[in-house]
């Protein structure tokens, strides 16, 4: 069952801690190593320049549950390669 875009938060998100650096605050794993993901798209926040941002929740391999703002996500390697080729 895919829960990333479910309108209802899964129970495992209840004890999530806020990560300011977009990786697991316990072990340092990146978001792409998470075992589960849920994006809170039901309650966007309007940030600077009127851009929406969402809470992204991650269940890490180490058992830590953490969240970060979608706009704090580091650029993907693909985006970096496209910039380098410009």
N, C-alpha and C. Protein backbone atom coordinates (compact mmCIF):
# COMPACT_ATOMS: atom_id res chain seq x y z
N UNK A 1 0.83 -1.18 0.00
CA UNK A 1 0.00 0.00 0.00
C UNK A 1 0.88 1.25 0.00
N UNK A 2 0.61 2.15 -0.92
CA UNK A 2 1.36 3.39 -0.99
C UNK A 2 0.66 4.43 -0.13
N UNK A 3 1.37 4.99 0.82
CA UNK A 3 0.75 5.96 1.71
C UNK A 3 1.31 7.36 1.53
N UNK A 4 2.29 7.56 0.66
CA UNK A 4 2.94 8.86 0.52
C UNK A 4 1.95 9.99 0.28
N UNK A 5 0.90 9.73 -0.50
CA UNK A 5 -0.06 10.79 -0.84
C UNK A 5 -1.42 10.59 -0.20
N UNK A 6 -1.50 9.73 0.78
CA UNK A 6 -2.75 9.51 1.49
C UNK A 6 -3.19 10.80 2.18
N UNK A 7 -4.48 11.11 2.17
CA UNK A 7 -4.94 12.33 2.85
C UNK A 7 -4.90 12.22 4.37
N UNK A 8 -4.79 10.99 4.87
CA UNK A 8 -4.78 10.75 6.32
C UNK A 8 -3.37 10.37 6.75
N UNK A 9 -2.84 11.04 7.77
CA UNK A 9 -1.48 10.69 8.20
C UNK A 9 -1.42 9.29 8.80
N UNK A 10 -0.41 8.53 8.41
CA UNK A 10 -0.25 7.20 9.01
C UNK A 10 0.17 7.34 10.48
N UNK A 11 -0.17 6.37 11.31
CA UNK A 11 0.14 6.46 12.74
C UNK A 11 1.63 6.65 13.05
N UNK A 12 2.51 6.15 12.19
CA UNK A 12 3.94 6.23 12.48
C UNK A 12 4.45 7.67 12.45
N UNK A 13 3.68 8.63 11.93
CA UNK A 13 4.12 10.03 11.88
C UNK A 13 3.90 10.77 13.20
N UNK A 14 3.17 10.16 14.14
CA UNK A 14 2.79 10.85 15.38
C UNK A 14 3.97 11.39 16.19
N UNK A 15 5.07 10.66 16.23
CA UNK A 15 6.20 11.06 17.07
C UNK A 15 7.38 11.61 16.27
N UNK A 16 7.11 12.13 15.08
CA UNK A 16 8.18 12.62 14.21
C UNK A 16 8.86 13.85 14.83
N UNK A 17 10.16 13.93 14.59
CA UNK A 17 10.94 15.09 15.03
C UNK A 17 11.32 15.90 13.80
N UNK A 18 11.45 17.20 13.98
CA UNK A 18 11.78 18.09 12.87
C UNK A 18 13.28 18.04 12.60
N UNK A 19 13.64 17.74 11.38
CA UNK A 19 15.04 17.77 10.96
C UNK A 19 15.28 19.05 10.18
N UNK A 20 16.21 19.85 10.62
CA UNK A 20 16.50 21.11 9.95
C UNK A 20 17.43 20.94 8.76
N UNK A 21 18.04 19.77 8.63
CA UNK A 21 19.05 19.56 7.59
C UNK A 21 18.64 18.56 6.52
N UNK A 22 17.39 18.11 6.53
CA UNK A 22 16.83 17.18 5.55
C UNK A 22 17.55 15.84 5.50
N UNK A 23 17.94 15.35 6.66
CA UNK A 23 18.41 13.98 6.80
C UNK A 23 18.08 13.52 8.20
N UNK A 24 18.17 12.23 8.42
CA UNK A 24 17.79 11.66 9.71
C UNK A 24 18.65 12.26 10.82
N UNK A 25 18.02 12.84 11.84
CA UNK A 25 18.80 13.44 12.91
C UNK A 25 19.50 12.41 13.81
N UNK A 26 19.08 11.15 13.73
CA UNK A 26 19.71 10.12 14.57
C UNK A 26 20.94 9.52 13.89
N UNK A 27 20.79 9.08 12.63
CA UNK A 27 21.89 8.35 11.99
C UNK A 27 22.48 9.06 10.77
N UNK A 28 21.83 10.11 10.28
CA UNK A 28 22.36 10.86 9.15
C UNK A 28 21.96 10.33 7.79
N UNK A 29 21.11 9.29 7.72
CA UNK A 29 20.65 8.80 6.42
C UNK A 29 19.87 9.87 5.68
N UNK A 30 20.00 9.86 4.36
CA UNK A 30 19.26 10.78 3.52
C UNK A 30 17.82 10.29 3.33
N UNK A 31 16.96 11.17 2.87
CA UNK A 31 15.55 10.85 2.68
C UNK A 31 15.34 9.67 1.74
N UNK A 32 16.20 9.53 0.73
CA UNK A 32 16.03 8.44 -0.23
C UNK A 32 16.32 7.06 0.36
N UNK A 33 16.79 7.01 1.59
CA UNK A 33 17.03 5.74 2.26
C UNK A 33 15.89 5.37 3.22
N UNK A 34 14.87 6.21 3.29
CA UNK A 34 13.75 5.96 4.20
C UNK A 34 12.97 4.73 3.79
N UNK A 35 12.42 4.05 4.77
CA UNK A 35 11.59 2.87 4.50
C UNK A 35 10.16 3.25 4.16
N UNK A 36 9.71 4.39 4.70
CA UNK A 36 8.35 4.85 4.43
C UNK A 36 8.38 6.38 4.30
N UNK A 37 7.41 6.90 3.54
CA UNK A 37 7.32 8.34 3.31
C UNK A 37 5.85 8.74 3.34
N UNK A 38 5.59 9.90 3.92
CA UNK A 38 4.25 10.49 3.84
C UNK A 38 4.40 11.99 3.66
N UNK A 39 3.68 12.56 2.72
CA UNK A 39 3.72 14.00 2.45
C UNK A 39 2.38 14.60 2.85
N UNK A 40 2.42 15.57 3.74
CA UNK A 40 1.21 16.21 4.24
C UNK A 40 0.76 17.29 3.25
N UNK A 41 0.10 16.86 2.20
CA UNK A 41 -0.36 17.80 1.16
C UNK A 41 -1.72 18.40 1.49
N UNK A 42 -2.31 18.00 2.59
CA UNK A 42 -3.61 18.53 3.00
C UNK A 42 -3.48 19.88 3.69
N UNK A 43 -2.28 20.21 4.16
CA UNK A 43 -2.09 21.45 4.92
C UNK A 43 -0.84 22.18 4.46
N UNK A 44 -0.85 22.70 3.22
CA UNK A 44 0.33 23.44 2.77
C UNK A 44 0.48 24.75 3.54
N UNK A 45 1.71 25.18 3.61
CA UNK A 45 2.04 26.46 4.24
C UNK A 45 2.55 27.37 3.14
N UNK A 46 2.16 28.63 3.19
CA UNK A 46 2.64 29.60 2.21
C UNK A 46 3.91 30.22 2.76
N UNK A 47 4.99 30.07 2.03
CA UNK A 47 6.29 30.60 2.45
C UNK A 47 6.62 31.88 1.71
N UNK A 48 7.91 32.16 1.70
CA UNK A 48 8.39 33.35 1.00
C UNK A 48 8.01 33.28 -0.47
N UNK A 49 7.79 34.42 -1.06
CA UNK A 49 7.43 34.52 -2.49
C UNK A 49 6.13 33.78 -2.81
N UNK A 50 5.28 33.61 -1.81
CA UNK A 50 3.98 32.94 -1.98
C UNK A 50 4.10 31.52 -2.50
N UNK A 51 5.20 30.85 -2.22
CA UNK A 51 5.36 29.46 -2.65
C UNK A 51 4.85 28.53 -1.56
N UNK A 52 4.15 27.48 -1.99
CA UNK A 52 3.65 26.49 -1.04
C UNK A 52 4.76 25.55 -0.63
N UNK A 53 4.69 25.10 0.62
CA UNK A 53 5.59 24.06 1.07
C UNK A 53 4.80 23.10 1.93
N UNK A 54 5.27 21.85 1.98
CA UNK A 54 4.59 20.80 2.70
C UNK A 54 5.55 20.14 3.68
N UNK A 55 4.97 19.51 4.68
CA UNK A 55 5.76 18.67 5.56
C UNK A 55 5.94 17.31 4.89
N UNK A 56 7.17 16.85 4.84
CA UNK A 56 7.49 15.52 4.31
C UNK A 56 7.99 14.68 5.49
N UNK A 57 7.35 13.55 5.71
CA UNK A 57 7.67 12.68 6.83
C UNK A 57 8.42 11.45 6.33
N UNK A 58 9.43 11.04 7.07
CA UNK A 58 10.27 9.90 6.69
C UNK A 58 10.45 8.94 7.86
N UNK A 59 10.29 7.65 7.58
CA UNK A 59 10.55 6.60 8.56
C UNK A 59 11.88 5.98 8.17
N UNK A 60 12.90 6.29 8.95
CA UNK A 60 14.27 5.89 8.62
C UNK A 60 14.52 4.42 8.94
N UNK A 61 15.54 3.87 8.31
CA UNK A 61 15.98 2.49 8.57
C UNK A 61 16.34 2.27 10.04
N UNK A 62 16.83 3.33 10.71
CA UNK A 62 17.26 3.19 12.10
C UNK A 62 16.09 3.25 13.08
N UNK A 63 14.87 3.52 12.57
CA UNK A 63 13.69 3.58 13.42
C UNK A 63 13.26 5.00 13.78
N UNK A 64 14.08 5.98 13.47
CA UNK A 64 13.73 7.38 13.74
C UNK A 64 12.68 7.84 12.71
N UNK A 65 11.73 8.62 13.16
CA UNK A 65 10.75 9.25 12.27
C UNK A 65 11.01 10.74 12.32
N UNK A 66 11.23 11.32 11.15
CA UNK A 66 11.54 12.74 11.09
C UNK A 66 10.79 13.40 9.95
N UNK A 67 10.71 14.73 10.04
CA UNK A 67 10.05 15.48 8.98
C UNK A 67 10.87 16.73 8.67
N UNK A 68 10.66 17.25 7.47
CA UNK A 68 11.30 18.49 7.04
C UNK A 68 10.37 19.16 6.03
N UNK A 69 10.58 20.44 5.83
CA UNK A 69 9.79 21.18 4.84
C UNK A 69 10.23 20.82 3.43
N UNK A 70 9.29 20.71 2.53
CA UNK A 70 9.59 20.33 1.14
C UNK A 70 10.57 21.30 0.48
N UNK A 71 10.50 22.57 0.83
CA UNK A 71 11.41 23.53 0.19
C UNK A 71 12.82 23.49 0.76
N UNK A 72 13.04 22.71 1.82
CA UNK A 72 14.38 22.54 2.38
C UNK A 72 15.13 21.37 1.75
N UNK A 73 14.43 20.64 0.88
CA UNK A 73 15.05 19.48 0.21
C UNK A 73 16.24 19.97 -0.63
N UNK A 74 17.38 19.31 -0.52
CA UNK A 74 18.52 19.70 -1.36
C UNK A 74 18.25 19.39 -2.82
N UNK A 75 18.87 20.10 -3.73
CA UNK A 75 18.66 19.81 -5.16
C UNK A 75 19.09 18.38 -5.49
N UNK A 76 18.38 17.77 -6.41
CA UNK A 76 18.72 16.41 -6.82
C UNK A 76 19.99 16.43 -7.66
N UNK A 77 20.63 15.26 -7.74
CA UNK A 77 21.83 15.15 -8.58
C UNK A 77 21.50 15.46 -10.03
N UNK A 78 20.31 15.07 -10.48
CA UNK A 78 19.89 15.33 -11.85
C UNK A 78 19.81 16.84 -12.11
N UNK A 79 19.22 17.58 -11.18
CA UNK A 79 19.12 19.04 -11.34
C UNK A 79 20.50 19.66 -11.37
N UNK A 80 21.41 19.16 -10.54
CA UNK A 80 22.77 19.69 -10.52
C UNK A 80 23.47 19.43 -11.84
N UNK A 81 23.30 18.21 -12.41
CA UNK A 81 23.91 17.90 -13.70
C UNK A 81 23.38 18.80 -14.81
N UNK A 82 22.06 19.09 -14.77
CA UNK A 82 21.48 19.96 -15.78
C UNK A 82 22.05 21.37 -15.68
N UNK A 83 22.26 21.86 -14.45
CA UNK A 83 22.87 23.18 -14.28
C UNK A 83 24.30 23.20 -14.78
N UNK A 84 25.05 22.13 -14.52
CA UNK A 84 26.45 22.05 -14.94
C UNK A 84 26.56 22.02 -16.46
N UNK A 85 25.55 21.46 -17.15
CA UNK A 85 25.58 21.35 -18.60
C UNK A 85 25.06 22.62 -19.29
N UNK A 86 24.57 23.57 -18.54
CA UNK A 86 24.03 24.80 -19.15
C UNK A 86 25.13 25.74 -19.55
